[in-house]
Amino acid sequence: MRERKKEDWLDFLALTLAAYQLILPGVLLMLLFAVAVVWVLKWMAG
């Protein structure tokens, strides 16, 4: 019974890490785009 709980925990951890691997690149791209837009607006405002 104990081993099954450990396997469930490891499965949950693996799924969480996989979800982060799928989501993280998109989030980083959106943040990079937002920073670039702010930088360009500041540059244009002088």
PDB file of N, CA and C in Angstrom:
ATOM      1  N   MET A   1       0.826  -1.197   0.000  1.00  0.00           N
ATOM      2  CA  MET A   1       0.000   0.000   0.000  1.00  0.00           C
ATOM      3  C   MET A   1       0.875   1.269   0.000  1.00  0.00           C
ATOM      4  N   ARG A   2       1.938   1.252   0.791  1.00  0.00           N
ATOM      5  CA  ARG A   2       2.830   2.399   0.856  1.00  0.00           C
ATOM      6  C   ARG A   2       3.472   2.696  -0.507  1.00  0.00           C
ATOM      7  N   GLU A   3       3.893   1.635  -1.189  1.00  0.00           N
ATOM      8  CA  GLU A   3       4.561   1.833  -2.471  1.00  0.00           C
ATOM      9  C   GLU A   3       3.630   2.483  -3.483  1.00  0.00           C
ATOM     10  N   ARG A   4       2.368   2.145  -3.449  1.00  0.00           N
ATOM     11  CA  ARG A   4       1.424   2.740  -4.390  1.00  0.00           C
ATOM     12  C   ARG A   4       1.290   4.242  -4.148  1.00  0.00           C
ATOM     13  N   LYS A   5       1.293   4.647  -2.875  1.00  0.00           N
ATOM     14  CA  LYS A   5       1.235   6.076  -2.585  1.00  0.00           C
ATOM     15  C   LYS A   5       2.463   6.787  -3.144  1.00  0.00           C
ATOM     16  N   LYS A   6       3.617   6.166  -2.983  1.00  0.00           N
ATOM     17  CA  LYS A   6       4.841   6.773  -3.502  1.00  0.00           C
ATOM     18  C   LYS A   6       4.769   6.882  -5.030  1.00  0.00           C
ATOM     19  N   GLU A   7       4.267   5.871  -5.676  1.00  0.00           N
ATOM     20  CA  GLU A   7       4.140   5.920  -7.134  1.00  0.00           C
ATOM     21  C   GLU A   7       3.159   7.011  -7.557  1.00  0.00           C
ATOM     22  N   ASP A   8       2.072   7.157  -6.823  1.00  0.00           N
ATOM     23  CA  ASP A   8       1.121   8.218  -7.152  1.00  0.00           C
ATOM     24  C   ASP A   8       1.786   9.583  -7.026  1.00  0.00           C
ATOM     25  N   TRP A   9       2.573   9.759  -5.976  1.00  0.00           N
ATOM     26  CA  TRP A   9       3.256  11.037  -5.774  1.00  0.00           C
ATOM     27  C   TRP A   9       4.243  11.302  -6.904  1.00  0.00           C
ATOM     28  N   LEU A  10       4.967  10.268  -7.312  1.00  0.00           N
ATOM     29  CA  LEU A  10       5.923  10.452  -8.408  1.00  0.00           C
ATOM     30  C   LEU A  10       5.204  10.723  -9.723  1.00  0.00           C
ATOM     31  N   ASP A  11       4.070  10.080  -9.944  1.00  0.00           N
ATOM     32  CA  ASP A  11       3.280  10.354 -11.144  1.00  0.00           C
ATOM     33  C   ASP A  11       2.801  11.804 -11.151  1.00  0.00           C
ATOM     34  N   PHE A  12       2.335  12.267  -9.997  1.00  0.00           N
ATOM     35  CA  PHE A  12       1.878  13.658  -9.894  1.00  0.00           C
ATOM     36  C   PHE A  12       3.024  14.624 -10.175  1.00  0.00           C
ATOM     37  N   LEU A  13       4.185  14.344  -9.612  1.00  0.00           N
ATOM     38  CA  LEU A  13       5.351  15.195  -9.836  1.00  0.00           C
ATOM     39  C   LEU A  13       5.743  15.208 -11.308  1.00  0.00           C
ATOM     40  N   ALA A  14       5.716  14.047 -11.943  1.00  0.00           N
ATOM     41  CA  ALA A  14       6.071  13.964 -13.366  1.00  0.00           C
ATOM     42  C   ALA A  14       5.077  14.742 -14.228  1.00  0.00           C
ATOM     43  N   LEU A  15       3.789  14.628 -13.924  1.00  0.00           N
ATOM     44  CA  LEU A  15       2.787  15.370 -14.689  1.00  0.00           C
ATOM     45  C   LEU A  15       2.925  16.871 -14.482  1.00  0.00           C
ATOM     46  N   THR A  16       3.232  17.277 -13.257  1.00  0.00           N
ATOM     47  CA  THR A  16       3.406  18.705 -12.978  1.00  0.00           C
ATOM     48  C   THR A  16       4.606  19.255 -13.752  1.00  0.00           C
ATOM     49  N   LEU A  17       5.707  18.528 -13.730  1.00  0.00           N
ATOM     50  CA  LEU A  17       6.890  18.986 -14.463  1.00  0.00           C
ATOM     51  C   LEU A  17       6.628  19.029 -15.966  1.00  0.00           C
ATOM     52  N   ALA A  18       5.897  18.063 -16.473  1.00  0.00           N
ATOM     53  CA  ALA A  18       5.576  18.056 -17.897  1.00  0.00           C
ATOM     54  C   ALA A  18       4.698  19.248 -18.262  1.00  0.00           C
ATOM     55  N   ALA A  19       3.747  19.577 -17.393  1.00  0.00           N
ATOM     56  CA  ALA A  19       2.890  20.732 -17.655  1.00  0.00           C
ATOM     57  C   ALA A  19       3.711  22.021 -17.668  1.00  0.00           C
ATOM     58  N   TYR A  20       4.633  22.153 -16.707  1.00  0.00           N
ATOM     59  CA  TYR A  20       5.486  23.339 -16.697  1.00  0.00           C
ATOM     60  C   TYR A  20       6.341  23.413 -17.950  1.00  0.00           C
ATOM     61  N   GLN A  21       6.825  22.283 -18.423  1.00  0.00           N
ATOM     62  CA  GLN A  21       7.642  22.296 -19.633  1.00  0.00           C
ATOM     63  C   GLN A  21       6.829  22.739 -20.841  1.00  0.00           C
ATOM     64  N   LEU A  22       5.534  22.430 -20.848  1.00  0.00           N
ATOM     65  CA  LEU A  22       4.691  22.861 -21.960  1.00  0.00           C
ATOM     66  C   LEU A  22       4.308  24.330 -21.849  1.00  0.00           C
ATOM     67  N   ILE A  23       4.078  24.803 -20.623  1.00  0.00           N
ATOM     68  CA  ILE A  23       3.570  26.155 -20.419  1.00  0.00           C
ATOM     69  C   ILE A  23       4.680  27.198 -20.391  1.00  0.00           C
ATOM     70  N   LEU A  24       5.827  26.854 -19.810  1.00  0.00           N
ATOM     71  CA  LEU A  24       6.890  27.824 -19.574  1.00  0.00           C
ATOM     72  C   LEU A  24       7.387  28.547 -20.827  1.00  0.00           C
ATOM     73  N   PRO A  25       7.633  27.884 -21.947  1.00  0.00           N
ATOM     74  CA  PRO A  25       8.118  28.632 -23.123  1.00  0.00           C
ATOM     75  C   PRO A  25       7.128  29.700 -23.593  1.00  0.00           C
ATOM     76  N   GLY A  26       5.852  29.388 -23.565  1.00  0.00           N
ATOM     77  CA  GLY A  26       4.852  30.382 -23.969  1.00  0.00           C
ATOM     78  C   GLY A  26       4.810  31.576 -23.035  1.00  0.00           C
ATOM     79  N   VAL A  27       4.892  31.310 -21.742  1.00  0.00           N
ATOM     80  CA  VAL A  27       4.888  32.396 -20.754  1.00  0.00           C
ATOM     81  C   VAL A  27       6.126  33.261 -20.924  1.00  0.00           C
ATOM     82  N   LEU A  28       7.282  32.635 -21.126  1.00  0.00           N
ATOM     83  CA  LEU A  28       8.507  33.405 -21.319  1.00  0.00           C
ATOM     84  C   LEU A  28       8.450  34.246 -22.590  1.00  0.00           C
ATOM     85  N   LEU A  29       7.867  33.707 -23.638  1.00  0.00           N
ATOM     86  CA  LEU A  29       7.741  34.492 -24.873  1.00  0.00           C
ATOM     87  C   LEU A  29       6.820  35.692 -24.683  1.00  0.00           C
ATOM     88  N   MET A  30       5.711  35.497 -23.960  1.00  0.00           N
ATOM     89  CA  MET A  30       4.801  36.618 -23.707  1.00  0.00           C
ATOM     90  C   MET A  30       5.486  37.696 -22.867  1.00  0.00           C
ATOM     91  N   LEU A  31       6.246  37.273 -21.844  1.00  0.00           N
ATOM     92  CA  LEU A  31       6.963  38.254 -21.023  1.00  0.00           C
ATOM     93  C   LEU A  31       8.012  39.000 -21.840  1.00  0.00           C
ATOM     94  N   LEU A  32       8.730  38.275 -22.669  1.00  0.00           N
ATOM     95  CA  LEU A  32       9.736  38.902 -23.527  1.00  0.00           C
ATOM     96  C   LEU A  32       9.086  39.909 -24.476  1.00  0.00           C
ATOM     97  N   PHE A  33       7.947  39.543 -25.040  1.00  0.00           N
ATOM     98  CA  PHE A  33       7.231  40.451 -25.942  1.00  0.00           C
ATOM     99  C   PHE A  33       6.772  41.701 -25.195  1.00  0.00           C
ATOM    100  N   ALA A  34       6.246  41.524 -23.980  1.00  0.00           N
ATOM    101  CA  ALA A  34       5.787  42.663 -23.192  1.00  0.00           C
ATOM    102  C   ALA A  34       6.949  43.604 -22.853  1.00  0.00           C
ATOM    103  N   VAL A  35       8.083  43.038 -22.478  1.00  0.00           N
ATOM    104  CA  VAL A  35       9.255  43.862 -22.176  1.00  0.00           C
ATOM    105  C   VAL A  35       9.711  44.599 -23.425  1.00  0.00           C
ATOM    106  N   ALA A  36       9.689  43.937 -24.558  1.00  0.00           N
ATOM    107  CA  ALA A  36      10.106  44.581 -25.811  1.00  0.00           C
ATOM    108  C   ALA A  36       9.167  45.734 -26.166  1.00  0.00           C
ATOM    109  N   VAL A  37       7.866  45.546 -25.980  1.00  0.00           N
ATOM    110  CA  VAL A  37       6.906  46.616 -26.280  1.00  0.00           C
ATOM    111  C   VAL A  37       7.142  47.816 -25.369  1.00  0.00           C
ATOM    112  N   VAL A  38       7.324  47.562 -24.074  1.00  0.00           N
ATOM    113  CA  VAL A  38       7.590  48.663 -23.141  1.00  0.00           C
ATOM    114  C   VAL A  38       8.880  49.379 -23.515  1.00  0.00           C
ATOM    115  N   TRP A  39       9.904  48.618 -23.859  1.00  0.00           N
ATOM    116  CA  TRP A  39      11.178  49.217 -24.242  1.00  0.00           C
ATOM    117  C   TRP A  39      11.026  50.090 -25.487  1.00  0.00           C
ATOM    118  N   VAL A  40      10.289  49.617 -26.475  1.00  0.00           N
ATOM    119  CA  VAL A  40      10.090  50.391 -27.712  1.00  0.00           C
ATOM    120  C   VAL A  40       9.276  51.643 -27.425  1.00  0.00           C
ATOM    121  N   LEU A  41       8.250  51.526 -26.582  1.00  0.00           N
ATOM    122  CA  LEU A  41       7.449  52.718 -26.251  1.00  0.00           C
ATOM    123  C   LEU A  41       8.277  53.755 -25.504  1.00  0.00           C
ATOM    124  N   LYS A  42       9.121  53.316 -24.593  1.00  0.00           N
ATOM    125  CA  LYS A  42       9.996  54.262 -23.884  1.00  0.00           C
ATOM    126  C   LYS A  42      10.980  54.902 -24.858  1.00  0.00           C
ATOM    127  N   TRP A  43      11.492  54.106 -25.785  1.00  0.00           N
ATOM    128  CA  TRP A  43      12.438  54.633 -26.772  1.00  0.00           C
ATOM    129  C   TRP A  43      11.765  55.666 -27.673  1.00  0.00           C
ATOM    130  N   MET A  44      10.524  55.390 -28.065  1.00  0.00           N
ATOM    131  CA  MET A  44       9.802  56.329 -28.940  1.00  0.00           C
ATOM    132  C   MET A  44       9.427  57.612 -28.189  1.00  0.00           C
ATOM    133  N   ALA A  45       9.145  57.509 -26.899  1.00  0.00           N
ATOM    134  CA  ALA A  45       8.750  58.698 -26.123  1.00  0.00           C
ATOM    135  C   ALA A  45       9.955  59.593 -25.856  1.00  0.00           C
ATOM    136  N   GLY A  46      11.139  59.021 -25.960  1.00  0.00           N
ATOM    137  CA  GLY A  46      12.325  59.815 -25.778  1.00  0.00           C
ATOM    138  C   GLY A  46      12.701  59.895 -24.354  1.00  0.00           C
TER     139      GLY A  46
END
